[in-house]
């Protein structure tokens, strides 16, 4: 992606609705704990435990209690959410 390119958030199948967006401003690989420290609820969940559980849903191997896996973090600026159905 190019810096400043539109970036959209959408729900999963079967809804596939656009629910917000912003503009791409970068990417970094960070441990889950660092991503939580930096962005907290802006990660889309309300606790570090829920974030670990959410990341765990996408892994083939469960996250171990003492593990702090690295995840890809997309940075988005000027974020806006959609109040209603958009797609």
PDB file of N, CA and C in Angstrom:
ATOM      1  N   UNK A   1       0.841  -1.182   0.000  1.00  0.00           N
ATOM      2  CA  UNK A   1       0.000   0.000   0.000  1.00  0.00           C
ATOM      3  C   UNK A   1       0.882   1.240   0.000  1.00  0.00           C
ATOM      4  N   UNK A   2       0.325   2.312  -0.519  1.00  0.00           N
ATOM      5  CA  UNK A   2       1.007   3.597  -0.567  1.00  0.00           C
ATOM      6  C   UNK A   2       0.521   4.478   0.578  1.00  0.00           C
ATOM      7  N   UNK A   3       1.441   5.225   1.187  1.00  0.00           N
ATOM      8  CA  UNK A   3       1.044   6.143   2.250  1.00  0.00           C
ATOM      9  C   UNK A   3      -0.061   7.067   1.761  1.00  0.00           C
ATOM     10  N   UNK A   4      -1.084   7.244   2.590  1.00  0.00           N
ATOM     11  CA  UNK A   4      -2.209   8.109   2.247  1.00  0.00           C
ATOM     12  C   UNK A   4      -3.318   7.427   1.467  1.00  0.00           C
ATOM     13  N   UNK A   5      -3.117   6.173   1.080  1.00  0.00           N
ATOM     14  CA  UNK A   5      -4.138   5.436   0.327  1.00  0.00           C
ATOM     15  C   UNK A   5      -5.330   5.130   1.239  1.00  0.00           C
ATOM     16  N   UNK A   6      -6.561   5.214   0.719  1.00  0.00           N
ATOM     17  CA  UNK A   6      -7.733   4.878   1.546  1.00  0.00           C
ATOM     18  C   UNK A   6      -7.645   3.439   2.057  1.00  0.00           C
ATOM     19  N   UNK A   7      -8.069   3.242   3.298  1.00  0.00           N
ATOM     20  CA  UNK A   7      -8.053   1.931   3.943  1.00  0.00           C
ATOM     21  C   UNK A   7      -9.418   1.738   4.582  1.00  0.00           C
ATOM     22  N   UNK A   8     -10.082   0.627   4.253  1.00  0.00           N
ATOM     23  CA  UNK A   8     -11.443   0.399   4.737  1.00  0.00           C
ATOM     24  C   UNK A   8     -11.490  -0.757   5.732  1.00  0.00           C
ATOM     25  N   UNK A   9     -12.394  -0.642   6.710  1.00  0.00           N
ATOM     26  CA  UNK A   9     -12.673  -1.714   7.659  1.00  0.00           C
ATOM     27  C   UNK A   9     -13.998  -2.341   7.254  1.00  0.00           C
ATOM     28  N   UNK A  10     -14.030  -3.682   7.200  1.00  0.00           N
ATOM     29  CA  UNK A  10     -15.291  -4.336   6.859  1.00  0.00           C
ATOM     30  C   UNK A  10     -15.521  -5.534   7.760  1.00  0.00           C
ATOM     31  N   UNK A  11     -16.775  -5.909   7.840  1.00  0.00           N
ATOM     32  CA  UNK A  11     -17.144  -7.075   8.635  1.00  0.00           C
ATOM     33  C   UNK A  11     -16.800  -8.344   7.861  1.00  0.00           C
ATOM     34  N   UNK A  12     -16.781  -9.450   8.569  1.00  0.00           N
ATOM     35  CA  UNK A  12     -16.490 -10.740   7.948  1.00  0.00           C
ATOM     36  C   UNK A  12     -17.703 -11.265   7.185  1.00  0.00           C
ATOM     37  N   UNK A  13     -17.463 -12.255   6.346  1.00  0.00           N
ATOM     38  CA  UNK A  13     -18.504 -12.979   5.631  1.00  0.00           C
ATOM     39  C   UNK A  13     -19.506 -13.511   6.653  1.00  0.00           C
ATOM     40  N   UNK A  14     -20.778 -13.530   6.431  1.00  0.00           N
ATOM     41  CA  UNK A  14     -21.455 -13.246   5.167  1.00  0.00           C
ATOM     42  C   UNK A  14     -21.885 -11.785   5.004  1.00  0.00           C
ATOM     43  N   UNK A  15     -21.697 -10.947   6.021  1.00  0.00           N
ATOM     44  CA  UNK A  15     -22.156  -9.559   5.909  1.00  0.00           C
ATOM     45  C   UNK A  15     -21.317  -8.738   4.939  1.00  0.00           C
ATOM     46  N   UNK A  16     -19.997  -8.812   5.078  1.00  0.00           N
ATOM     47  CA  UNK A  16     -19.086  -8.083   4.190  1.00  0.00           C
ATOM     48  C   UNK A  16     -19.456  -6.612   4.044  1.00  0.00           C
ATOM     49  N   UNK A  17     -19.734  -5.948   5.164  1.00  0.00           N
ATOM     50  CA  UNK A  17     -20.120  -4.530   5.129  1.00  0.00           C
ATOM     51  C   UNK A  17     -18.928  -3.643   5.457  1.00  0.00           C
ATOM     52  N   UNK A  18     -18.820  -2.525   4.771  1.00  0.00           N
ATOM     53  CA  UNK A  18     -17.830  -1.515   5.128  1.00  0.00           C
ATOM     54  C   UNK A  18     -18.361  -0.797   6.361  1.00  0.00           C
ATOM     55  N   UNK A  19     -17.559  -0.754   7.418  1.00  0.00           N
ATOM     56  CA  UNK A  19     -18.009  -0.143   8.669  1.00  0.00           C
ATOM     57  C   UNK A  19     -17.131   1.033   9.095  1.00  0.00           C
ATOM     58  N   UNK A  20     -16.172   1.377   8.272  1.00  0.00           N
ATOM     59  CA  UNK A  20     -15.321   2.516   8.578  1.00  0.00           C
ATOM     60  C   UNK A  20     -14.093   2.523   7.705  1.00  0.00           C
ATOM     61  N   UNK A  21     -13.236   3.482   7.974  1.00  0.00           N
ATOM     62  CA  UNK A  21     -12.015   3.566   7.196  1.00  0.00           C
ATOM     63  C   UNK A  21     -11.182   4.753   7.607  1.00  0.00           C
ATOM     64  N   UNK A  22     -10.123   4.944   6.884  1.00  0.00           N
ATOM     65  CA  UNK A  22      -9.204   6.042   7.117  1.00  0.00           C
ATOM     66  C   UNK A  22      -8.160   6.019   6.024  1.00  0.00           C
ATOM     67  N   UNK A  23      -6.958   6.450   6.356  1.00  0.00           N
ATOM     68  CA  UNK A  23      -5.893   6.519   5.369  1.00  0.00           C
ATOM     69  C   UNK A  23      -4.657   5.800   5.888  1.00  0.00           C
ATOM     70  N   UNK A  24      -4.120   4.928   5.056  1.00  0.00           N
ATOM     71  CA  UNK A  24      -2.956   4.119   5.410  1.00  0.00           C
ATOM     72  C   UNK A  24      -1.777   5.023   5.745  1.00  0.00           C
ATOM     73  N   UNK A  25      -1.145   4.764   6.903  1.00  0.00           N
ATOM     74  CA  UNK A  25       0.007   5.578   7.281  1.00  0.00           C
ATOM     75  C   UNK A  25       1.215   4.748   7.712  1.00  0.00           C
ATOM     76  N   UNK A  26       1.157   3.428   7.552  1.00  0.00           N
ATOM     77  CA  UNK A  26       2.330   2.619   7.840  1.00  0.00           C
ATOM     78  C   UNK A  26       2.003   1.230   8.343  1.00  0.00           C
ATOM     79  N   UNK A  27       3.063   0.464   8.585  1.00  0.00           N
ATOM     80  CA  UNK A  27       2.943  -0.921   9.027  1.00  0.00           C
ATOM     81  C   UNK A  27       4.150  -1.250   9.895  1.00  0.00           C
ATOM     82  N   UNK A  28       3.936  -2.042  10.924  1.00  0.00           N
ATOM     83  CA  UNK A  28       5.039  -2.532  11.759  1.00  0.00           C
ATOM     84  C   UNK A  28       4.669  -3.882  12.337  1.00  0.00           C
ATOM     85  N   UNK A  29       5.676  -4.689  12.596  1.00  0.00           N
ATOM     86  CA  UNK A  29       5.476  -5.943  13.300  1.00  0.00           C
ATOM     87  C   UNK A  29       5.833  -5.700  14.759  1.00  0.00           C
ATOM     88  N   UNK A  30       4.866  -5.967  15.646  1.00  0.00           N
ATOM     89  CA  UNK A  30       5.040  -5.708  17.076  1.00  0.00           C
ATOM     90  C   UNK A  30       4.546  -6.894  17.892  1.00  0.00           C
ATOM     91  N   UNK A  31       5.144  -7.134  19.069  1.00  0.00           N
ATOM     92  CA  UNK A  31       4.573  -8.130  19.973  1.00  0.00           C
ATOM     93  C   UNK A  31       3.167  -7.676  20.394  1.00  0.00           C
ATOM     94  N   UNK A  32       2.295  -8.623  20.679  1.00  0.00           N
ATOM     95  CA  UNK A  32       0.931  -8.290  21.105  1.00  0.00           C
ATOM     96  C   UNK A  32       0.952  -7.302  22.271  1.00  0.00           C
ATOM     97  N   UNK A  33       1.831  -7.525  23.247  1.00  0.00           N
ATOM     98  CA  UNK A  33       1.862  -6.646  24.422  1.00  0.00           C
ATOM     99  C   UNK A  33       2.184  -5.203  24.040  1.00  0.00           C
ATOM    100  N   UNK A  34       3.087  -5.001  23.107  1.00  0.00           N
ATOM    101  CA  UNK A  34       3.443  -3.649  22.670  1.00  0.00           C
ATOM    102  C   UNK A  34       2.300  -3.015  21.892  1.00  0.00           C
ATOM    103  N   UNK A  35       1.666  -3.794  21.025  1.00  0.00           N
ATOM    104  CA  UNK A  35       0.513  -3.271  20.273  1.00  0.00           C
ATOM    105  C   UNK A  35      -0.580  -2.824  21.244  1.00  0.00           C
ATOM    106  N   UNK A  36      -0.799  -3.596  22.315  1.00  0.00           N
ATOM    107  CA  UNK A  36      -1.812  -3.199  23.298  1.00  0.00           C
ATOM    108  C   UNK A  36      -1.380  -1.937  24.042  1.00  0.00           C
ATOM    109  N   UNK A  37      -0.120  -1.865  24.465  1.00  0.00           N
ATOM    110  CA  UNK A  37       0.375  -0.677  25.175  1.00  0.00           C
ATOM    111  C   UNK A  37       0.223   0.584  24.326  1.00  0.00           C
ATOM    112  N   UNK A  38       0.509   0.477  23.042  1.00  0.00           N
ATOM    113  CA  UNK A  38       0.460   1.646  22.163  1.00  0.00           C
ATOM    114  C   UNK A  38      -0.954   2.053  21.774  1.00  0.00           C
ATOM    115  N   UNK A  39      -1.816   1.071  21.500  1.00  0.00           N
ATOM    116  CA  UNK A  39      -3.105   1.384  20.890  1.00  0.00           C
ATOM    117  C   UNK A  39      -4.325   0.980  21.708  1.00  0.00           C
ATOM    118  N   UNK A  40      -4.134   0.176  22.745  1.00  0.00           N
ATOM    119  CA  UNK A  40      -5.228  -0.245  23.639  1.00  0.00           C
ATOM    120  C   UNK A  40      -6.491  -0.600  22.849  1.00  0.00           C
ATOM    121  N   UNK A  41      -7.621   0.000  23.188  1.00  0.00           N
ATOM    122  CA  UNK A  41      -8.901  -0.369  22.568  1.00  0.00           C
ATOM    123  C   UNK A  41      -8.984  -0.011  21.085  1.00  0.00           C
ATOM    124  N   UNK A  42      -8.057   0.796  20.592  1.00  0.00           N
ATOM    125  CA  UNK A  42      -8.018   1.072  19.148  1.00  0.00           C
ATOM    126  C   UNK A  42      -7.638  -0.189  18.364  1.00  0.00           C
ATOM    127  N   UNK A  43      -7.221  -1.244  19.070  1.00  0.00           N
ATOM    128  CA  UNK A  43      -6.974  -2.539  18.434  1.00  0.00           C
ATOM    129  C   UNK A  43      -8.277  -3.256  18.088  1.00  0.00           C
ATOM    130  N   UNK A  44      -9.402  -2.732  18.560  1.00  0.00           N
ATOM    131  CA  UNK A  44     -10.693  -3.323  18.232  1.00  0.00           C
ATOM    132  C   UNK A  44     -11.268  -4.239  19.292  1.00  0.00           C
ATOM    133  N   UNK A  45     -10.615  -4.332  20.440  1.00  0.00           N
ATOM    134  CA  UNK A  45     -11.103  -5.144  21.553  1.00  0.00           C
ATOM    135  C   UNK A  45     -10.949  -4.342  22.844  1.00  0.00           C
ATOM    136  N   UNK A  46     -11.582  -4.817  23.926  1.00  0.00           N
ATOM    137  CA  UNK A  46     -11.591  -4.016  25.155  1.00  0.00           C
ATOM    138  C   UNK A  46     -10.620  -4.469  26.241  1.00  0.00           C
ATOM    139  N   UNK A  47      -9.759  -5.449  25.946  1.00  0.00           N
ATOM    140  CA  UNK A  47      -8.789  -5.887  26.953  1.00  0.00           C
ATOM    141  C   UNK A  47      -7.637  -6.622  26.269  1.00  0.00           C
ATOM    142  N   UNK A  48      -6.475  -6.669  26.936  1.00  0.00           N
ATOM    143  CA  UNK A  48      -5.361  -7.430  26.366  1.00  0.00           C
ATOM    144  C   UNK A  48      -5.689  -8.922  26.248  1.00  0.00           C
ATOM    145  N   UNK A  49      -6.477  -9.431  27.191  1.00  0.00           N
ATOM    146  CA  UNK A  49      -6.860 -10.848  27.133  1.00  0.00           C
ATOM    147  C   UNK A  49      -7.720 -11.131  25.902  1.00  0.00           C
ATOM    148  N   UNK A  50      -8.649 -10.228  25.624  1.00  0.00           N
ATOM    149  CA  UNK A  50      -9.508 -10.408  24.445  1.00  0.00           C
ATOM    150  C   UNK A  50      -8.686 -10.285  23.160  1.00  0.00           C
ATOM    151  N   UNK A  51      -7.693  -9.423  23.175  1.00  0.00           N
ATOM    152  CA  UNK A  51      -6.826  -9.281  22.004  1.00  0.00           C
ATOM    153  C   UNK A  51      -6.056 -10.574  21.750  1.00  0.00           C
ATOM    154  N   UNK A  52      -5.508 -11.163  22.815  1.00  0.00           N
ATOM    155  CA  UNK A  52      -4.801 -12.440  22.658  1.00  0.00           C
ATOM    156  C   UNK A  52      -5.742 -13.518  22.130  1.00  0.00           C
ATOM    157  N   UNK A  53      -6.962 -13.542  22.647  1.00  0.00           N
ATOM    158  CA  UNK A  53      -7.942 -14.532  22.185  1.00  0.00           C
ATOM    159  C   UNK A  53      -8.275 -14.311  20.712  1.00  0.00           C
ATOM    160  N   UNK A  54      -8.451 -13.065  20.310  1.00  0.00           N
ATOM    161  CA  UNK A  54      -8.779 -12.751  18.921  1.00  0.00           C
ATOM    162  C   UNK A  54      -7.640 -13.162  17.989  1.00  0.00           C
ATOM    163  N   UNK A  55      -6.405 -12.837  18.363  1.00  0.00           N
ATOM    164  CA  UNK A  55      -5.249 -13.242  17.555  1.00  0.00           C
ATOM    165  C   UNK A  55      -5.172 -14.764  17.506  1.00  0.00           C
ATOM    166  N   UNK A  56      -5.453 -15.413  18.634  1.00  0.00           N
ATOM    167  CA  UNK A  56      -5.405 -16.866  18.698  1.00  0.00           C
ATOM    168  C   UNK A  56      -6.369 -17.548  17.742  1.00  0.00           C
ATOM    169  N   UNK A  57      -7.462 -16.885  17.404  1.00  0.00           N
ATOM    170  CA  UNK A  57      -8.437 -17.462  16.469  1.00  0.00           C
ATOM    171  C   UNK A  57      -7.859 -17.626  15.066  1.00  0.00           C
ATOM    172  N   UNK A  58      -6.815 -16.880  14.746  1.00  0.00           N
ATOM    173  CA  UNK A  58      -6.233 -16.913  13.407  1.00  0.00           C
ATOM    174  C   UNK A  58      -4.967 -17.756  13.323  1.00  0.00           C
ATOM    175  N   UNK A  59      -4.561 -18.344  14.433  1.00  0.00           N
ATOM    176  CA  UNK A  59      -3.331 -19.140  14.447  1.00  0.00           C
ATOM    177  C   UNK A  59      -3.636 -20.628  14.382  1.00  0.00           C
ATOM    178  N   UNK A  60      -2.716 -21.382  13.806  1.00  0.00           N
ATOM    179  CA  UNK A  60      -2.860 -22.840  13.767  1.00  0.00           C
ATOM    180  C   UNK A  60      -2.525 -23.458  15.123  1.00  0.00           C
ATOM    181  N   UNK A  61      -1.624 -22.790  15.861  1.00  0.00           N
ATOM    182  CA  UNK A  61      -1.165 -23.280  17.158  1.00  0.00           C
ATOM    183  C   UNK A  61      -1.622 -22.290  18.228  1.00  0.00           C
ATOM    184  N   UNK A  62      -2.236 -22.761  19.319  1.00  0.00           N
ATOM    185  CA  UNK A  62      -2.695 -21.841  20.370  1.00  0.00           C
ATOM    186  C   UNK A  62      -1.553 -21.007  20.960  1.00  0.00           C
ATOM    187  N   UNK A  63      -1.875 -19.806  21.398  1.00  0.00           N
ATOM    188  CA  UNK A  63      -0.900 -18.948  22.071  1.00  0.00           C
ATOM    189  C   UNK A  63      -0.683 -19.495  23.476  1.00  0.00           C
ATOM    190  N   UNK A  64       0.566 -19.739  23.819  1.00  0.00           N
ATOM    191  CA  UNK A  64       0.909 -20.235  25.148  1.00  0.00           C
ATOM    192  C   UNK A  64       0.853 -19.084  26.152  1.00  0.00           C
ATOM    193  N   UNK A  65       0.575 -19.363  27.433  1.00  0.00           N
ATOM    194  CA  UNK A  65       0.438 -18.303  28.440  1.00  0.00           C
ATOM    195  C   UNK A  65       1.646 -17.366  28.533  1.00  0.00           C
ATOM    196  N   UNK A  66       2.861 -17.895  28.345  1.00  0.00           N
ATOM    197  CA  UNK A  66       4.068 -17.066  28.467  1.00  0.00           C
ATOM    198  C   UNK A  66       4.558 -16.528  27.121  1.00  0.00           C
ATOM    199  N   UNK A  67       3.787 -16.737  26.069  1.00  0.00           N
ATOM    200  CA  UNK A  67       4.176 -16.319  24.723  1.00  0.00           C
ATOM    201  C   UNK A  67       3.642 -14.916  24.417  1.00  0.00           C
ATOM    202  N   UNK A  68       4.418 -14.143  23.689  1.00  0.00           N
ATOM    203  CA  UNK A  68       4.026 -12.796  23.265  1.00  0.00           C
ATOM    204  C   UNK A  68       4.292 -12.697  21.759  1.00  0.00           C
ATOM    205  N   UNK A  69       3.435 -13.336  20.947  1.00  0.00           N
ATOM    206  CA  UNK A  69       3.718 -13.409  19.516  1.00  0.00           C
ATOM    207  C   UNK A  69       3.715 -12.039  18.838  1.00  0.00           C
ATOM    208  N   UNK A  70       4.484 -11.965  17.767  1.00  0.00           N
ATOM    209  CA  UNK A  70       4.557 -10.755  16.958  1.00  0.00           C
ATOM    210  C   UNK A  70       3.401 -10.771  15.965  1.00  0.00           C
ATOM    211  N   UNK A  71       2.742  -9.623  15.836  1.00  0.00           N
ATOM    212  CA  UNK A  71       1.629  -9.484  14.895  1.00  0.00           C
ATOM    213  C   UNK A  71       1.912  -8.316  13.959  1.00  0.00           C
ATOM    214  N   UNK A  72       1.258  -8.314  12.820  1.00  0.00           N
ATOM    215  CA  UNK A  72       1.369  -7.195  11.890  1.00  0.00           C
ATOM    216  C   UNK A  72       0.376  -6.111  12.273  1.00  0.00           C
ATOM    217  N   UNK A  73       0.857  -4.883  12.381  1.00  0.00           N
ATOM    218  CA  UNK A  73       0.011  -3.752  12.773  1.00  0.00           C
ATOM    219  C   UNK A  73      -0.051  -2.744  11.631  1.00  0.00           C
ATOM    220  N   UNK A  74      -1.244  -2.512  11.132  1.00  0.00           N
ATOM    221  CA  UNK A  74      -1.458  -1.517  10.087  1.00  0.00           C
ATOM    222  C   UNK A  74      -1.833  -0.212  10.771  1.00  0.00           C
ATOM    223  N   UNK A  75      -1.133   0.859  10.433  1.00  0.00           N
ATOM    224  CA  UNK A  75      -1.419   2.171  11.006  1.00  0.00           C
ATOM    225  C   UNK A  75      -2.342   2.926  10.061  1.00  0.00           C
ATOM    226  N   UNK A  76      -3.442   3.430  10.619  1.00  0.00           N
ATOM    227  CA  UNK A  76      -4.456   4.140   9.835  1.00  0.00           C
ATOM    228  C   UNK A  76      -4.726   5.474  10.525  1.00  0.00           C
ATOM    229  N   UNK A  77      -4.713   6.550   9.767  1.00  0.00           N
ATOM    230  CA  UNK A  77      -4.974   7.882  10.337  1.00  0.00           C
ATOM    231  C   UNK A  77      -6.336   8.386   9.886  1.00  0.00           C
ATOM    232  N   UNK A  78      -6.824   9.392  10.578  1.00  0.00           N
ATOM    233  CA  UNK A  78      -8.115  10.016  10.250  1.00  0.00           C
ATOM    234  C   UNK A  78      -9.228   8.973  10.158  1.00  0.00           C
ATOM    235  N   UNK A  79      -9.285   8.113  11.150  1.00  0.00           N
ATOM    236  CA  UNK A  79     -10.253   7.013  11.159  1.00  0.00           C
ATOM    237  C   UNK A  79     -11.658   7.541  11.431  1.00  0.00           C
ATOM    238  N   UNK A  80     -12.606   7.014  10.675  1.00  0.00           N
ATOM    239  CA  UNK A  80     -14.024   7.332  10.870  1.00  0.00           C
ATOM    240  C   UNK A  80     -14.801   6.030  10.791  1.00  0.00           C
ATOM    241  N   UNK A  81     -15.848   5.918  11.605  1.00  0.00           N
ATOM    242  CA  UNK A  81     -16.692   4.729  11.542  1.00  0.00           C
ATOM    243  C   UNK A  81     -18.008   5.091  10.886  1.00  0.00           C
ATOM    244  N   UNK A  82     -18.627   4.083  10.315  1.00  0.00           N
ATOM    245  CA  UNK A  82     -19.892   4.275   9.623  1.00  0.00           C
ATOM    246  C   UNK A  82     -21.038   3.987  10.579  1.00  0.00           C
ATOM    247  N   UNK A  83     -21.972   4.919  10.742  1.00  0.00           N
ATOM    248  CA  UNK A  83     -23.072   4.698  11.680  1.00  0.00           C
ATOM    249  C   UNK A  83     -24.101   3.682  11.197  1.00  0.00           C
ATOM    250  N   UNK A  84     -24.188   3.455   9.915  1.00  0.00           N
ATOM    251  CA  UNK A  84     -25.209   2.549   9.394  1.00  0.00           C
ATOM    252  C   UNK A  84     -24.647   1.601   8.370  1.00  0.00           C
ATOM    253  N   UNK A  85     -25.510   0.890   7.727  1.00  0.00           N
ATOM    254  CA  UNK A  85     -25.115  -0.078   6.711  1.00  0.00           C
ATOM    255  C   UNK A  85     -24.578   0.643   5.485  1.00  0.00           C
ATOM    256  N   UNK A  86     -23.388   0.217   5.028  1.00  0.00           N
ATOM    257  CA  UNK A  86     -22.757   0.860   3.879  1.00  0.00           C
ATOM    258  C   UNK A  86     -22.426  -0.144   2.794  1.00  0.00           C
ATOM    259  N   UNK A  87     -22.858  -1.291   2.745  1.00  0.00           N
ATOM    260  CA  UNK A  87     -22.406  -2.152   1.654  1.00  0.00           C
ATOM    261  C   UNK A  87     -23.097  -3.457   1.630  1.00  0.00           C
TER     262      UNK A  87
END
